[in-house]
Every structure is written in C-alpha cells, then in structure tokens.
C-alpha cells in the first residue's frame, strides 16, 4: 500500500475521514463535525452530535424510478459546510460512493490538489475483514480495502463548482480504475 503524506502547507486535519453509516454511528462523537451525505435524518437522528449536517439524496446519477439524485445545490451546500472544518467525519450508507465524492470535494475546497486529495482519501479508506474457509476447516481472515467509487454525478457537480474543465475529475477516476 502506498503511503502518501499531506502537503506541509495544508493541515492533515483538513482531510475528511470517510466511513459507512454503522461506523459513523459508533464513532461520530470522536469527531468535531459530522456530515451525512445521503441518508435521511430519520436514519441518523440518534447521533445527537452538536455539529451535524444532513443532506438527503439517493446514490444515483438520474431521477429514474423515483430516486432523487444529488443536485448541484446540495453538493455545493455540503462542500461549503465542510470547507475549513477540521476533524470532519463524512459518511453515507456504505462509505463508498456519496461520502467519497463529497469528502473529495471538501478536500479540494480545503486546498488539496485534486489528484493528491483523491490518492490520500483512497489510501486512508477503511480496510474490511472478510472470512473464508480453507480446506481442513481452517478459517482465514482476508483484509481488503473498501471500494472507493465516488458518485459520478457528484463528481460532475464538483467540476462545475470548482470551475474545472469538464472531465478533469472524471479522468482521475478513470485512471484509478
């Protein structure tokens, strides 16, 4: 695994931490601020965190089948709310798509280079343990990094928000896959 360092001119405390809903529920009070990117207020009302922002939308890229995609205004709201906040926890349901793209946008707003922010967030992404059975009945632990798959509509909104040339952030995603 690559070990990247944060640029000395930008505080590492300005790089958000990404988790899933269950992890956020367990760890939210370990952070100064919490951003819920997608899940409903009903799902997180038990957090009772004094600095908690909830923005509700579905993890989709179009409004088909009654789902609600993230709007530009919602993405801007999340990024502006998270901008400058140290010790920020960002989560969605699975901690893979809405939260990763939102945290990426916040890191860029905090002065990180887009590629560097992507790499740092991806390398800091949680590792999950899965168990498998080997012949002879031996159980082994397999550790894999959780998928880091930013929502492409949020990424497109981020390109507009930061007035980047269309495709700038999406090319970073494409090179990573």
C-alpha atoms as a PDB file:
ATOM      1  CA  UNK A   1       0.000   0.000   0.000  1.00  0.00           C
ATOM      2  CA  UNK A   2       1.262   3.480  -0.889  1.00  0.00           C
ATOM      3  CA  UNK A   3       1.958   5.802   1.970  1.00  0.00           C
ATOM      4  CA  UNK A   4       1.313   9.388   0.995  1.00  0.00           C
ATOM      5  CA  UNK A   5       1.945  12.433   3.054  1.00  0.00           C
ATOM      6  CA  UNK A   6      -0.146  15.546   3.326  1.00  0.00           C
ATOM      7  CA  UNK A   7       1.451  18.678   1.871  1.00  0.00           C
ATOM      8  CA  UNK A   8       3.150  20.652   4.605  1.00  0.00           C
ATOM      9  CA  UNK A   9       1.197  23.778   3.685  1.00  0.00           C
ATOM     10  CA  UNK A  10      -2.180  22.087   4.304  1.00  0.00           C
ATOM     11  CA  UNK A  11      -3.146  20.671   7.677  1.00  0.00           C
ATOM     12  CA  UNK A  12      -3.876  16.950   7.637  1.00  0.00           C
ATOM     13  CA  UNK A  13      -6.808  17.779   9.944  1.00  0.00           C
ATOM     14  CA  UNK A  14      -8.500  19.331   6.890  1.00  0.00           C
ATOM     15  CA  UNK A  15      -8.666  15.949   5.139  1.00  0.00           C
ATOM     16  CA  UNK A  16     -12.075  14.406   5.952  1.00  0.00           C
ATOM     17  CA  UNK A  17     -12.442  10.865   7.296  1.00  0.00           C
ATOM     18  CA  UNK A  18     -14.834   8.605   5.368  1.00  0.00           C
ATOM     19  CA  UNK A  19     -16.885   5.819   6.964  1.00  0.00           C
ATOM     20  CA  UNK A  20     -20.169   3.984   6.483  1.00  0.00           C
ATOM     21  CA  UNK A  21     -23.384   4.537   8.444  1.00  0.00           C
ATOM     22  CA  UNK A  22     -22.718   1.930  11.133  1.00  0.00           C
ATOM     23  CA  UNK A  23     -19.168   3.183  11.694  1.00  0.00           C
ATOM     24  CA  UNK A  24     -20.416   6.776  11.841  1.00  0.00           C
ATOM     25  CA  UNK A  25     -22.950   5.815  14.482  1.00  0.00           C
ATOM     26  CA  UNK A  26     -20.170   4.278  16.598  1.00  0.00           C
ATOM     27  CA  UNK A  27     -17.538   6.974  16.035  1.00  0.00           C
ATOM     28  CA  UNK A  28     -19.393  10.251  15.423  1.00  0.00           C
ATOM     29  CA  UNK A  29     -18.586  11.699  18.842  1.00  0.00           C
ATOM     30  CA  UNK A  30     -14.864  11.196  18.203  1.00  0.00           C
ATOM     31  CA  UNK A  31     -15.039  13.989  15.584  1.00  0.00           C
ATOM     32  CA  UNK A  32     -15.632  17.735  15.790  1.00  0.00           C
ATOM     33  CA  UNK A  33     -18.144  17.686  12.899  1.00  0.00           C
ATOM     34  CA  UNK A  34     -20.213  15.082  11.052  1.00  0.00           C
ATOM     35  CA  UNK A  35     -21.612  15.301   7.521  1.00  0.00           C
ATOM     36  CA  UNK A  36     -24.289  12.842   6.408  1.00  0.00           C
ATOM     37  CA  UNK A  37     -24.214  12.672   2.599  1.00  0.00           C
ATOM     38  CA  UNK A  38     -27.424  10.978   1.525  1.00  0.00           C
ATOM     39  CA  UNK A  39     -29.072   9.013   4.336  1.00  0.00           C
ATOM     40  CA  UNK A  40     -32.220  10.536   5.785  1.00  0.00           C
ATOM     41  CA  UNK A  41     -32.448  12.486   9.012  1.00  0.00           C
ATOM     42  CA  UNK A  42     -34.550   9.653  10.458  1.00  0.00           C
ATOM     43  CA  UNK A  43     -31.613   7.271   9.971  1.00  0.00           C
ATOM     44  CA  UNK A  44     -29.158   9.469  11.881  1.00  0.00           C
ATOM     45  CA  UNK A  45     -31.273  11.324  14.444  1.00  0.00           C
ATOM     46  CA  UNK A  46     -29.745   9.149  17.184  1.00  0.00           C
ATOM     47  CA  UNK A  47     -26.294  10.679  16.528  1.00  0.00           C
ATOM     48  CA  UNK A  48     -27.200  13.731  18.621  1.00  0.00           C
ATOM     49  CA  UNK A  49     -23.998  15.435  17.511  1.00  0.00           C
ATOM     50  CA  UNK A  50     -23.801  19.210  18.059  1.00  0.00           C
ATOM     51  CA  UNK A  51     -22.162  19.885  14.651  1.00  0.00           C
ATOM     52  CA  UNK A  52     -24.058  17.534  12.332  1.00  0.00           C
ATOM     53  CA  UNK A  53     -25.211  18.400   8.804  1.00  0.00           C
ATOM     54  CA  UNK A  54     -27.621  16.075   6.975  1.00  0.00           C
ATOM     55  CA  UNK A  55     -28.216  16.394   3.216  1.00  0.00           C
ATOM     56  CA  UNK A  56     -30.653  13.795   1.864  1.00  0.00           C
ATOM     57  CA  UNK A  57     -30.446  12.253  -1.630  1.00  0.00           C
ATOM     58  CA  UNK A  58     -30.071   8.836  -3.232  1.00  0.00           C
ATOM     59  CA  UNK A  59     -26.891   7.258  -4.580  1.00  0.00           C
ATOM     60  CA  UNK A  60     -27.935   7.593  -8.223  1.00  0.00           C
ATOM     61  CA  UNK A  61     -26.994   9.660 -11.246  1.00  0.00           C
ATOM     62  CA  UNK A  62     -30.527  10.188 -12.640  1.00  0.00           C
ATOM     63  CA  UNK A  63     -34.041  10.570 -11.299  1.00  0.00           C
ATOM     64  CA  UNK A  64     -35.366   7.379 -12.857  1.00  0.00           C
ATOM     65  CA  UNK A  65     -37.557   5.003 -10.856  1.00  0.00           C
ATOM     66  CA  UNK A  66     -38.427   7.702  -8.314  1.00  0.00           C
ATOM     67  CA  UNK A  67     -34.910   8.110  -6.925  1.00  0.00           C
ATOM     68  CA  UNK A  68     -33.582  11.556  -6.043  1.00  0.00           C
ATOM     69  CA  UNK A  69     -30.126  12.301  -7.436  1.00  0.00           C
ATOM     70  CA  UNK A  70     -27.868  14.857  -5.759  1.00  0.00           C
ATOM     71  CA  UNK A  71     -28.357  18.365  -7.126  1.00  0.00           C
ATOM     72  CA  UNK A  72     -25.626  20.902  -7.747  1.00  0.00           C
ATOM     73  CA  UNK A  73     -27.037  22.972  -4.885  1.00  0.00           C
ATOM     74  CA  UNK A  74     -26.819  20.044  -2.456  1.00  0.00           C
ATOM     75  CA  UNK A  75     -23.242  19.297  -3.451  1.00  0.00           C
ATOM     76  CA  UNK A  76     -22.314  22.966  -3.051  1.00  0.00           C
ATOM     77  CA  UNK A  77     -24.068  23.046   0.341  1.00  0.00           C
ATOM     78  CA  UNK A  78     -22.103  20.029   1.600  1.00  0.00           C
ATOM     79  CA  UNK A  79     -18.756  21.266   0.309  1.00  0.00           C
ATOM     80  CA  UNK A  80     -19.234  24.778   1.683  1.00  0.00           C
ATOM     81  CA  UNK A  81     -20.404  23.420   5.045  1.00  0.00           C
ATOM     82  CA  UNK A  82     -17.388  21.099   5.292  1.00  0.00           C
ATOM     83  CA  UNK A  83     -14.857  23.594   3.945  1.00  0.00           C
ATOM     84  CA  UNK A  84     -12.380  24.666   6.608  1.00  0.00           C
ATOM     85  CA  UNK A  85     -13.691  22.216   9.199  1.00  0.00           C
ATOM     86  CA  UNK A  86     -11.010  20.217  10.921  1.00  0.00           C
ATOM     87  CA  UNK A  87     -11.631  16.733  12.246  1.00  0.00           C
ATOM     88  CA  UNK A  88     -14.601  16.112   9.914  1.00  0.00           C
ATOM     89  CA  UNK A  89     -16.340  12.744   9.554  1.00  0.00           C
ATOM     90  CA  UNK A  90     -18.196  12.207   6.260  1.00  0.00           C
ATOM     91  CA  UNK A  91     -20.473   9.211   5.770  1.00  0.00           C
ATOM     92  CA  UNK A  92     -23.214   7.748   3.612  1.00  0.00           C
ATOM     93  CA  UNK A  93     -24.775   4.274   3.850  1.00  0.00           C
ATOM     94  CA  UNK A  94     -21.896   2.139   2.586  1.00  0.00           C
ATOM     95  CA  UNK A  95     -18.997   4.608   2.818  1.00  0.00           C
ATOM     96  CA  UNK A  96     -18.084   4.040  -0.822  1.00  0.00           C
ATOM     97  CA  UNK A  97     -19.781   6.479  -3.201  1.00  0.00           C
ATOM     98  CA  UNK A  98     -21.616   9.558  -1.892  1.00  0.00           C
ATOM     99  CA  UNK A  99     -19.238  10.032   1.031  1.00  0.00           C
ATOM    100  CA  UNK A 100     -16.075   9.523  -1.028  1.00  0.00           C
ATOM    101  CA  UNK A 101     -17.080  12.062  -3.678  1.00  0.00           C
ATOM    102  CA  UNK A 102     -18.261  14.563  -1.045  1.00  0.00           C
ATOM    103  CA  UNK A 103     -15.071  14.216   1.003  1.00  0.00           C
ATOM    104  CA  UNK A 104     -13.045  14.627  -2.198  1.00  0.00           C
ATOM    105  CA  UNK A 105     -14.830  17.902  -2.915  1.00  0.00           C
ATOM    106  CA  UNK A 106     -14.265  19.146   0.619  1.00  0.00           C
ATOM    107  CA  UNK A 107     -10.569  18.262   0.421  1.00  0.00           C
ATOM    108  CA  UNK A 108     -10.266  20.212  -2.838  1.00  0.00           C
ATOM    109  CA  UNK A 109     -12.089  23.170  -1.263  1.00  0.00           C
ATOM    110  CA  UNK A 110      -9.577  22.963   1.589  1.00  0.00           C
ATOM    111  CA  UNK A 111      -6.695  23.476  -0.829  1.00  0.00           C
ATOM    112  CA  UNK A 112      -5.635  19.951  -1.694  1.00  0.00           C
ATOM    113  CA  UNK A 113      -4.681  19.247  -5.298  1.00  0.00           C
ATOM    114  CA  UNK A 114      -7.477  17.087  -6.842  1.00  0.00           C
ATOM    115  CA  UNK A 115      -5.201  14.128  -7.668  1.00  0.00           C
ATOM    116  CA  UNK A 116      -3.438  14.279  -4.332  1.00  0.00           C
ATOM    117  CA  UNK A 117      -6.748  14.533  -2.450  1.00  0.00           C
ATOM    118  CA  UNK A 118      -8.088  11.521  -4.332  1.00  0.00           C
ATOM    119  CA  UNK A 119      -4.970   9.477  -3.567  1.00  0.00           C
ATOM    120  CA  UNK A 120      -4.884  10.436   0.115  1.00  0.00           C
ATOM    121  CA  UNK A 121      -8.584   9.693   0.653  1.00  0.00           C
ATOM    122  CA  UNK A 122      -8.391   6.399  -1.222  1.00  0.00           C
ATOM    123  CA  UNK A 123      -5.305   5.268   0.696  1.00  0.00           C
ATOM    124  CA  UNK A 124      -6.923   6.238   4.004  1.00  0.00           C
ATOM    125  CA  UNK A 125     -10.149   4.418   3.141  1.00  0.00           C
ATOM    126  CA  UNK A 126     -11.205   1.737   5.659  1.00  0.00           C
ATOM    127  CA  UNK A 127      -9.988  -1.827   5.389  1.00  0.00           C
ATOM    128  CA  UNK A 128     -12.587  -4.531   5.930  1.00  0.00           C
ATOM    129  CA  UNK A 129     -12.044  -8.073   7.138  1.00  0.00           C
ATOM    130  CA  UNK A 130     -13.850 -10.964   5.468  1.00  0.00           C
ATOM    131  CA  UNK A 131     -13.512 -14.586   6.470  1.00  0.00           C
ATOM    132  CA  UNK A 132     -13.059 -17.615   4.252  1.00  0.00           C
ATOM    133  CA  UNK A 133     -12.746 -21.298   4.984  1.00  0.00           C
ATOM    134  CA  UNK A 134      -9.769 -23.241   3.698  1.00  0.00           C
ATOM    135  CA  UNK A 135      -9.609 -26.968   3.213  1.00  0.00           C
ATOM    136  CA  UNK A 136      -9.222 -28.735   6.517  1.00  0.00           C
ATOM    137  CA  UNK A 137     -11.694 -26.376   8.176  1.00  0.00           C
ATOM    138  CA  UNK A 138      -9.247 -23.543   8.778  1.00  0.00           C
ATOM    139  CA  UNK A 139     -10.764 -20.080   8.802  1.00  0.00           C
ATOM    140  CA  UNK A 140      -8.617 -17.282   7.406  1.00  0.00           C
ATOM    141  CA  UNK A 141      -9.101 -13.549   7.540  1.00  0.00           C
ATOM    142  CA  UNK A 142      -8.951 -11.693   4.266  1.00  0.00           C
ATOM    143  CA  UNK A 143      -8.434  -7.954   4.500  1.00  0.00           C
ATOM    144  CA  UNK A 144      -9.467  -5.780   1.597  1.00  0.00           C
ATOM    145  CA  UNK A 145      -9.750  -2.050   1.259  1.00  0.00           C
ATOM    146  CA  UNK A 146     -13.378  -0.935   0.981  1.00  0.00           C
ATOM    147  CA  UNK A 147     -14.255   0.075  -2.594  1.00  0.00           C
ATOM    148  CA  UNK A 148     -13.641   3.756  -3.296  1.00  0.00           C
ATOM    149  CA  UNK A 149     -16.120   4.582  -6.047  1.00  0.00           C
ATOM    150  CA  UNK A 150     -17.117   8.273  -5.994  1.00  0.00           C
ATOM    151  CA  UNK A 151     -20.592   9.066  -7.323  1.00  0.00           C
ATOM    152  CA  UNK A 152     -20.034  10.382 -10.853  1.00  0.00           C
ATOM    153  CA  UNK A 153     -22.866  12.909 -10.729  1.00  0.00           C
ATOM    154  CA  UNK A 154     -21.413  14.453  -7.571  1.00  0.00           C
ATOM    155  CA  UNK A 155     -18.024  14.496  -9.294  1.00  0.00           C
ATOM    156  CA  UNK A 156     -19.556  16.283 -12.294  1.00  0.00           C
ATOM    157  CA  UNK A 157     -21.117  18.830  -9.930  1.00  0.00           C
ATOM    158  CA  UNK A 158     -17.714  19.288  -8.262  1.00  0.00           C
ATOM    159  CA  UNK A 159     -16.138  20.092 -11.630  1.00  0.00           C
ATOM    160  CA  UNK A 160     -18.746  22.831 -12.102  1.00  0.00           C
ATOM    161  CA  UNK A 161     -18.434  24.085  -8.530  1.00  0.00           C
ATOM    162  CA  UNK A 162     -14.669  24.482  -8.810  1.00  0.00           C
ATOM    163  CA  UNK A 163     -14.927  25.744 -12.414  1.00  0.00           C
ATOM    164  CA  UNK A 164     -12.709  22.933 -13.653  1.00  0.00           C
ATOM    165  CA  UNK A 165     -12.616  21.899 -17.260  1.00  0.00           C
ATOM    166  CA  UNK A 166     -15.329  19.244 -17.784  1.00  0.00           C
ATOM    167  CA  UNK A 167     -13.895  15.769 -17.297  1.00  0.00           C
ATOM    168  CA  UNK A 168     -10.960  16.860 -15.112  1.00  0.00           C
ATOM    169  CA  UNK A 169     -12.027  14.898 -12.028  1.00  0.00           C
ATOM    170  CA  UNK A 170     -13.673  12.105 -14.011  1.00  0.00           C
ATOM    171  CA  UNK A 171     -10.336  11.405 -15.726  1.00  0.00           C
ATOM    172  CA  UNK A 172      -8.761  10.928 -12.293  1.00  0.00           C
ATOM    173  CA  UNK A 173     -11.475   8.352 -11.538  1.00  0.00           C
ATOM    174  CA  UNK A 174     -10.976   6.604 -14.861  1.00  0.00           C
ATOM    175  CA  UNK A 175      -7.203   6.340 -14.348  1.00  0.00           C
ATOM    176  CA  UNK A 176      -7.772   4.837 -10.891  1.00  0.00           C
ATOM    177  CA  UNK A 177      -9.966   2.014 -12.228  1.00  0.00           C
END
